Amino acid sequence: MRSKELSVELRDRIVSRHRSGEGYQNISAALKVPKNPVASIILKWKKIGTTKTPPIAGRCHLKRANHLEVKLNN
């Protein structure tokens, strides 16, 4: 079972503590977050430059629903 996604504020606090020079273990202990999510958030921030979750890949469901509506009306 997957755990819930961390809030944007918490992810930003993790990154700000990392930028101030704190280590992964100290950040995880201070914010009561496991070390692996702290590490993955920091790596994502280094790679992408943001802590926001990107949109899910794939076709937009809204377009597909509109397409079906047009087909049913004809």
N, C-alpha and C. Protein backbone atom coordinates (compact mmCIF):
# COMPACT_ATOMS: atom_id res chain seq x y z
N MET A 1 0.84 -1.17 0.00
CA MET A 1 0.00 0.00 0.00
C MET A 1 0.89 1.24 0.00
N ARG A 2 0.54 2.21 -0.84
CA ARG A 2 1.31 3.45 -0.93
C ARG A 2 0.86 4.43 0.13
N SER A 3 1.80 5.23 0.57
CA SER A 3 1.44 6.27 1.53
C SER A 3 0.96 7.51 0.78
N LYS A 4 0.39 8.45 1.53
CA LYS A 4 -0.13 9.66 0.90
C LYS A 4 1.02 10.56 0.45
N GLU A 5 0.72 11.39 -0.52
CA GLU A 5 1.70 12.33 -1.05
C GLU A 5 1.96 13.42 -0.02
N LEU A 6 3.21 13.84 0.11
CA LEU A 6 3.56 14.91 1.04
C LEU A 6 3.07 16.25 0.49
N SER A 7 2.70 17.14 1.39
CA SER A 7 2.19 18.44 0.96
C SER A 7 3.30 19.27 0.31
N VAL A 8 2.89 20.24 -0.49
CA VAL A 8 3.85 21.11 -1.18
C VAL A 8 4.65 21.92 -0.16
N GLU A 9 4.00 22.37 0.91
CA GLU A 9 4.69 23.14 1.94
C GLU A 9 5.80 22.32 2.60
N LEU A 10 5.49 21.05 2.90
CA LEU A 10 6.48 20.18 3.53
C LEU A 10 7.65 19.92 2.58
N ARG A 11 7.36 19.70 1.31
CA ARG A 11 8.43 19.49 0.33
C ARG A 11 9.30 20.73 0.19
N ASP A 12 8.67 21.90 0.22
CA ASP A 12 9.45 23.14 0.16
C ASP A 12 10.32 23.32 1.40
N ARG A 13 9.81 22.93 2.57
CA ARG A 13 10.62 23.01 3.79
C ARG A 13 11.81 22.07 3.73
N ILE A 14 11.59 20.88 3.14
CA ILE A 14 12.70 19.92 2.99
C ILE A 14 13.79 20.52 2.11
N VAL A 15 13.40 21.12 1.00
CA VAL A 15 14.37 21.70 0.07
C VAL A 15 15.09 22.89 0.72
N SER A 16 14.35 23.72 1.45
CA SER A 16 15.00 24.88 2.07
C SER A 16 16.00 24.44 3.15
N ARG A 17 15.68 23.40 3.89
CA ARG A 17 16.64 22.89 4.88
C ARG A 17 17.87 22.30 4.19
N HIS A 18 17.65 21.63 3.05
CA HIS A 18 18.78 21.08 2.31
C HIS A 18 19.68 22.19 1.77
N ARG A 19 19.06 23.26 1.27
CA ARG A 19 19.83 24.38 0.74
C ARG A 19 20.63 25.08 1.83
N SER A 20 20.13 25.03 3.07
CA SER A 20 20.87 25.65 4.17
C SER A 20 22.01 24.76 4.67
N GLY A 21 22.13 23.54 4.14
CA GLY A 21 23.27 22.70 4.46
C GLY A 21 22.97 21.52 5.37
N GLU A 22 21.73 21.30 5.70
CA GLU A 22 21.38 20.16 6.57
C GLU A 22 21.43 18.87 5.78
N GLY A 23 21.76 17.78 6.46
CA GLY A 23 21.82 16.48 5.83
C GLY A 23 20.47 15.79 5.79
N TYR A 24 20.37 14.73 5.00
CA TYR A 24 19.12 14.00 4.83
C TYR A 24 18.59 13.48 6.17
N GLN A 25 19.48 12.89 6.95
CA GLN A 25 19.07 12.28 8.21
C GLN A 25 18.56 13.34 9.20
N ASN A 26 19.22 14.47 9.27
CA ASN A 26 18.77 15.54 10.17
C ASN A 26 17.43 16.11 9.72
N ILE A 27 17.24 16.26 8.41
CA ILE A 27 15.98 16.77 7.88
C ILE A 27 14.85 15.80 8.20
N SER A 28 15.08 14.50 7.97
CA SER A 28 14.04 13.52 8.22
C SER A 28 13.69 13.43 9.70
N ALA A 29 14.66 13.58 10.58
CA ALA A 29 14.38 13.54 12.01
C ALA A 29 13.62 14.78 12.46
N ALA A 30 13.99 15.94 11.94
CA ALA A 30 13.36 17.19 12.36
C ALA A 30 11.91 17.29 11.87
N LEU A 31 11.64 16.81 10.66
CA LEU A 31 10.30 16.94 10.09
C LEU A 31 9.46 15.67 10.23
N LYS A 32 10.05 14.63 10.85
CA LYS A 32 9.36 13.35 11.06
C LYS A 32 8.85 12.75 9.75
N VAL A 33 9.76 12.72 8.78
CA VAL A 33 9.49 12.13 7.47
C VAL A 33 10.59 11.10 7.23
N PRO A 34 10.27 9.91 6.69
CA PRO A 34 11.31 8.92 6.42
C PRO A 34 12.41 9.47 5.50
N LYS A 35 13.59 8.87 5.62
CA LYS A 35 14.76 9.36 4.88
C LYS A 35 14.63 9.19 3.37
N ASN A 36 14.02 8.10 2.91
CA ASN A 36 13.89 7.87 1.47
C ASN A 36 13.06 8.94 0.77
N PRO A 37 11.89 9.33 1.31
CA PRO A 37 11.16 10.42 0.64
C PRO A 37 11.93 11.74 0.65
N VAL A 38 12.67 12.00 1.71
CA VAL A 38 13.49 13.23 1.76
C VAL A 38 14.50 13.20 0.63
N ALA A 39 15.17 12.07 0.47
CA ALA A 39 16.18 11.94 -0.58
C ALA A 39 15.55 12.07 -1.97
N SER A 40 14.40 11.44 -2.18
CA SER A 40 13.77 11.50 -3.50
C SER A 40 13.26 12.91 -3.82
N ILE A 41 12.77 13.62 -2.81
CA ILE A 41 12.31 15.00 -3.03
C ILE A 41 13.48 15.89 -3.41
N ILE A 42 14.60 15.73 -2.73
CA ILE A 42 15.78 16.55 -3.03
C ILE A 42 16.34 16.22 -4.41
N LEU A 43 16.39 14.95 -4.75
CA LEU A 43 16.89 14.56 -6.08
C LEU A 43 15.97 15.09 -7.18
N LYS A 44 14.66 15.02 -6.95
CA LYS A 44 13.70 15.56 -7.91
C LYS A 44 13.88 17.06 -8.06
N TRP A 45 14.09 17.75 -6.95
CA TRP A 45 14.31 19.20 -6.99
C TRP A 45 15.58 19.54 -7.76
N LYS A 46 16.65 18.75 -7.56
CA LYS A 46 17.90 19.00 -8.28
C LYS A 46 17.72 18.76 -9.78
N LYS A 47 16.95 17.74 -10.15
CA LYS A 47 16.79 17.37 -11.55
C LYS A 47 15.83 18.31 -12.29
N ILE A 48 14.65 18.56 -11.68
CA ILE A 48 13.60 19.32 -12.35
C ILE A 48 13.64 20.79 -11.97
N GLY A 49 14.02 21.09 -10.74
CA GLY A 49 14.06 22.47 -10.28
C GLY A 49 12.81 22.90 -9.55
N THR A 50 11.88 21.97 -9.31
CA THR A 50 10.65 22.28 -8.59
C THR A 50 10.25 21.09 -7.74
N THR A 51 9.41 21.33 -6.74
CA THR A 51 8.93 20.24 -5.91
C THR A 51 7.50 19.87 -6.22
N LYS A 52 6.88 20.56 -7.19
CA LYS A 52 5.50 20.26 -7.55
C LYS A 52 5.43 18.95 -8.32
N THR A 53 4.33 18.24 -8.15
CA THR A 53 4.13 16.98 -8.84
C THR A 53 3.73 17.26 -10.29
N PRO A 54 4.43 16.65 -11.26
CA PRO A 54 4.07 16.89 -12.66
C PRO A 54 2.75 16.21 -12.99
N PRO A 55 2.06 16.65 -14.03
CA PRO A 55 0.81 16.01 -14.41
C PRO A 55 1.06 14.58 -14.88
N ILE A 56 0.05 13.75 -14.74
CA ILE A 56 0.16 12.35 -15.13
C ILE A 56 0.24 12.27 -16.66
N ALA A 57 1.12 11.41 -17.15
CA ALA A 57 1.28 11.24 -18.59
C ALA A 57 0.07 10.50 -19.16
N GLY A 58 -0.21 10.75 -20.39
CA GLY A 58 -1.30 10.05 -21.07
C GLY A 58 -2.31 11.00 -21.66
N ARG A 59 -3.23 10.44 -22.36
CA ARG A 59 -4.26 11.23 -23.03
C ARG A 59 -5.21 11.84 -22.01
N CYS A 60 -5.64 13.05 -22.28
CA CYS A 60 -6.57 13.75 -21.42
C CYS A 60 -7.95 13.10 -21.51
N HIS A 61 -8.52 12.76 -20.37
CA HIS A 61 -9.81 12.09 -20.36
C HIS A 61 -10.94 13.00 -20.83
N LEU A 62 -10.81 14.30 -20.63
CA LEU A 62 -11.84 15.24 -21.05
C LEU A 62 -12.00 15.23 -22.56
N LYS A 63 -10.91 15.16 -23.29
CA LYS A 63 -10.99 15.13 -24.75
C LYS A 63 -11.71 13.85 -25.21
N ARG A 64 -11.40 12.77 -24.56
CA ARG A 64 -12.02 11.50 -24.94
C ARG A 64 -13.52 11.55 -24.66
N ALA A 65 -13.92 12.14 -23.55
CA ALA A 65 -15.34 12.24 -23.22
C ALA A 65 -16.06 13.12 -24.24
N ASN A 66 -15.46 14.23 -24.66
CA ASN A 66 -16.06 15.09 -25.66
C ASN A 66 -16.19 14.37 -27.00
N HIS A 67 -15.20 13.58 -27.33
CA HIS A 67 -15.22 12.83 -28.59
C HIS A 67 -16.37 11.83 -28.58
N LEU A 68 -16.59 11.16 -27.46
CA LEU A 68 -17.68 10.19 -27.37
C LEU A 68 -19.04 10.88 -27.46
N GLU A 69 -19.15 12.06 -26.86
CA GLU A 69 -20.41 12.80 -26.93
C GLU A 69 -20.77 13.14 -28.36
N VAL A 70 -19.79 13.58 -29.13
CA VAL A 70 -20.02 13.93 -30.53
C VAL A 70 -20.45 12.70 -31.31
N LYS A 71 -19.82 11.56 -31.06
CA LYS A 71 -20.18 10.33 -31.76
C LYS A 71 -21.60 9.90 -31.43
N LEU A 72 -21.99 10.01 -30.15
CA LEU A 72 -23.32 9.58 -29.75
C LEU A 72 -24.41 10.49 -30.30
N ASN A 73 -24.12 11.77 -30.46
CA ASN A 73 -25.11 12.72 -30.96
C ASN A 73 -25.34 12.57 -32.46
N ASN A 74 -24.38 12.04 -33.19
CA ASN A 74 -24.52 11.91 -34.65
C ASN A 74 -25.28 10.69 -35.01
